Amino acid sequence: MLKLTSAQRSLLRSQAHSLNPVVMIGDAGLSDAVLKEINVNLDAHGLIKIRVFGDDRLARVEILQSICQQLDAAPIQHIGKLLVIYRPQKESVKPAENNKKGGLKSVVTFKPGFGAIKNRVKKVLIKGNERVTQGGLIKRKKTRQTSAKKKALAR
């Protein structure tokens, strides 16, 4: 079972406040399918809420402890029928995402020279809404005009 400090648990409790329960445990209790679903959600999100349908508090505490032991997670909070569990996400690096530089694209511009002026080759970073003209200038996409009806509604 993962151990956290009280400050870490407090921070995770505040982050979990706005979450909705992603797994529901019914009267059948903690089955292999439920454990598998909790594991998938922990891999995807790291911090999850679980709702347990049952009135026995001791059974909910046992469920929380068994989930944390079997999935190597940390119990964050147990309020009423809600359980909050945390497990750090594994870093998954995709090669396609590794090459992106925050939406910037590298383009080489070429301006031909004439007479005494040399050819100019320049490497430029452009954003998603920009384009390079034939002359090597960077232009932004024009904003769309809003209709008169939408303008009237905005007032």
Protein backbone atom coordinates (compact mmCIF):
# COMPACT_ATOMS: atom_id res chain seq x y z
CA MET A 1 0.00 0.00 0.00
CA LEU A 2 1.27 3.46 -0.94
CA LYS A 3 2.06 5.86 1.96
CA LEU A 4 1.45 9.60 1.71
CA THR A 5 2.03 12.49 4.09
CA SER A 6 -0.90 14.39 5.54
CA ALA A 7 -0.05 17.44 3.39
CA GLN A 8 -0.13 15.29 0.23
CA ARG A 9 -3.45 13.75 1.26
CA SER A 10 -4.88 17.20 1.95
CA LEU A 11 -3.86 18.43 -1.50
CA LEU A 12 -5.33 15.33 -3.16
CA ARG A 13 -8.58 15.71 -1.15
CA SER A 14 -8.96 19.23 -2.49
CA GLN A 15 -8.36 18.02 -6.06
CA ALA A 16 -10.88 15.19 -5.63
CA HIS A 17 -13.62 17.50 -4.40
CA SER A 18 -14.91 18.26 -7.90
CA LEU A 19 -14.63 14.68 -9.20
CA ASN A 20 -17.59 12.43 -9.85
CA PRO A 21 -17.51 8.74 -8.88
CA VAL A 22 -16.20 6.62 -11.77
CA VAL A 23 -16.78 3.18 -10.23
CA MET A 24 -19.81 1.96 -8.29
CA ILE A 25 -19.63 -1.07 -6.01
CA GLY A 26 -23.00 -2.74 -5.52
CA ASP A 27 -24.36 -5.38 -3.18
CA ALA A 28 -22.20 -8.08 -4.79
CA GLY A 29 -19.15 -6.44 -3.24
CA LEU A 30 -15.63 -6.29 -4.56
CA SER A 31 -15.34 -8.67 -7.52
CA ASP A 32 -12.52 -9.19 -10.01
CA ALA A 33 -14.36 -7.17 -12.66
CA VAL A 34 -14.75 -4.23 -10.27
CA LEU A 35 -11.06 -4.41 -9.33
CA LYS A 36 -10.12 -4.45 -13.00
CA GLU A 37 -12.29 -1.38 -13.67
CA ILE A 38 -10.74 0.46 -10.70
CA ASN A 39 -7.27 -0.42 -11.99
CA VAL A 40 -8.09 0.90 -15.48
CA ASN A 41 -9.41 4.17 -14.03
CA LEU A 42 -6.39 4.59 -11.74
CA ASP A 43 -4.10 4.15 -14.76
CA ALA A 44 -6.09 6.72 -16.71
CA HIS A 45 -6.72 9.34 -14.02
CA GLY A 46 -4.54 8.66 -10.98
CA LEU A 47 -7.12 10.06 -8.53
CA ILE A 48 -10.61 8.57 -8.52
CA LYS A 49 -13.80 8.47 -6.48
CA ILE A 50 -15.67 5.23 -5.83
CA ARG A 51 -19.25 4.98 -4.58
CA VAL A 52 -20.10 1.97 -2.41
CA PHE A 53 -23.78 1.03 -2.14
CA GLY A 54 -24.19 -0.53 1.27
CA ASP A 55 -25.02 0.64 4.77
CA ASP A 56 -22.29 -1.21 6.68
CA ARG A 57 -19.44 1.18 7.49
CA LEU A 58 -17.02 -1.58 8.50
CA ALA A 59 -17.58 -3.33 5.16
CA ARG A 60 -16.74 -0.08 3.34
CA VAL A 61 -13.52 0.30 5.37
CA GLU A 62 -12.56 -3.28 4.51
CA ILE A 63 -13.29 -2.65 0.82
CA LEU A 64 -11.11 0.48 0.89
CA GLN A 65 -8.22 -1.36 2.55
CA SER A 66 -8.41 -4.36 0.20
CA ILE A 67 -8.54 -2.14 -2.91
CA CYS A 68 -5.49 -0.19 -1.76
CA GLN A 69 -3.53 -3.35 -0.91
CA GLN A 70 -4.35 -5.21 -4.11
CA LEU A 71 -3.79 -2.27 -6.48
CA ASP A 72 -0.87 -0.61 -4.61
CA ALA A 73 -2.83 2.61 -4.12
CA ALA A 74 -3.21 5.09 -1.27
CA PRO A 75 -6.48 5.76 0.57
CA ILE A 76 -7.14 9.50 0.52
CA GLN A 77 -10.62 9.91 1.99
CA HIS A 78 -13.63 7.95 3.18
CA ILE A 79 -16.73 10.07 3.66
CA GLY A 80 -20.05 8.31 3.89
CA LYS A 81 -20.36 6.02 0.90
CA LEU A 82 -17.61 7.72 -1.14
CA LEU A 83 -14.04 6.47 -1.26
CA VAL A 84 -11.20 8.49 -2.76
CA ILE A 85 -8.14 6.56 -3.95
CA TYR A 86 -4.85 7.74 -5.47
CA ARG A 87 -2.08 6.01 -7.37
CA PRO A 88 0.59 7.93 -9.32
CA GLN A 89 0.20 7.61 -13.06
CA LYS A 90 2.89 5.87 -15.06
CA GLU A 91 4.70 8.09 -17.55
CA SER A 92 3.83 7.03 -21.08
CA VAL A 93 5.77 8.83 -23.79
CA LYS A 94 4.43 8.56 -27.30
CA PRO A 95 6.99 9.17 -30.05
CA ALA A 96 4.59 11.32 -32.10
CA GLU A 97 3.91 13.64 -29.16
CA ASN A 98 7.60 13.91 -28.38
CA ASN A 99 8.31 15.79 -31.63
CA LYS A 100 5.67 18.48 -31.10
CA LYS A 101 6.82 21.82 -29.72
CA GLY A 102 3.63 23.23 -28.28
CA GLY A 103 1.84 23.67 -31.61
CA LEU A 104 4.78 25.37 -33.32
CA LYS A 105 5.85 24.23 -36.77
CA SER A 106 9.27 24.92 -38.24
CA VAL A 107 9.27 26.26 -41.83
CA VAL A 108 12.19 27.33 -44.00
CA THR A 109 11.47 30.44 -46.07
CA PHE A 110 13.37 31.38 -49.20
CA LYS A 111 13.48 34.83 -50.72
CA PRO A 112 15.29 34.92 -54.04
CA GLY A 113 17.80 37.67 -54.52
CA PHE A 114 18.30 39.68 -57.65
CA GLY A 115 21.20 41.82 -58.75
CA ALA A 116 23.54 42.53 -55.85
CA ILE A 117 21.13 41.11 -53.22
CA LYS A 118 21.83 37.52 -52.13
CA ASN A 119 19.27 34.78 -51.71
CA ARG A 120 17.86 34.79 -48.17
CA VAL A 121 17.04 31.52 -46.43
CA LYS A 122 15.40 31.86 -43.03
CA LYS A 123 14.04 29.29 -40.57
CA VAL A 124 10.75 30.43 -39.00
CA LEU A 125 8.50 28.96 -36.29
CA ILE A 126 4.82 29.41 -37.07
CA LYS A 127 1.77 28.73 -34.94
CA GLY A 128 -1.34 26.82 -35.92
CA ASN A 129 -3.28 29.85 -37.16
CA GLU A 130 -0.42 31.35 -39.20
CA ARG A 131 0.76 30.71 -42.72
CA VAL A 132 3.78 31.63 -44.81
CA THR A 133 3.14 33.54 -48.04
CA GLN A 134 5.13 33.07 -51.25
CA GLY A 135 7.17 36.13 -50.38
CA GLY A 136 8.21 34.64 -47.02
CA LEU A 137 5.91 36.77 -44.88
CA ILE A 138 3.99 35.29 -41.95
CA LYS A 139 0.28 36.03 -41.97
CA ARG A 140 -2.28 35.23 -39.31
CA LYS A 141 -5.63 33.76 -40.13
CA LYS A 142 -8.32 36.42 -40.39
CA THR A 143 -11.00 36.34 -37.75
CA ARG A 144 -14.44 35.33 -38.93
CA GLN A 145 -17.03 38.02 -39.14
CA THR A 146 -19.92 37.61 -36.74
CA SER A 147 -23.41 37.92 -38.07
CA ALA A 148 -25.58 40.94 -37.29
CA LYS A 149 -27.93 38.70 -35.35
CA LYS A 150 -25.14 37.49 -33.04
CA LYS A 151 -23.88 41.04 -32.60
CA ALA A 152 -27.37 42.11 -31.52
CA LEU A 153 -27.60 39.24 -29.06
CA ALA A 154 -24.20 40.10 -27.55
CA ARG A 155 -25.34 43.62 -26.66
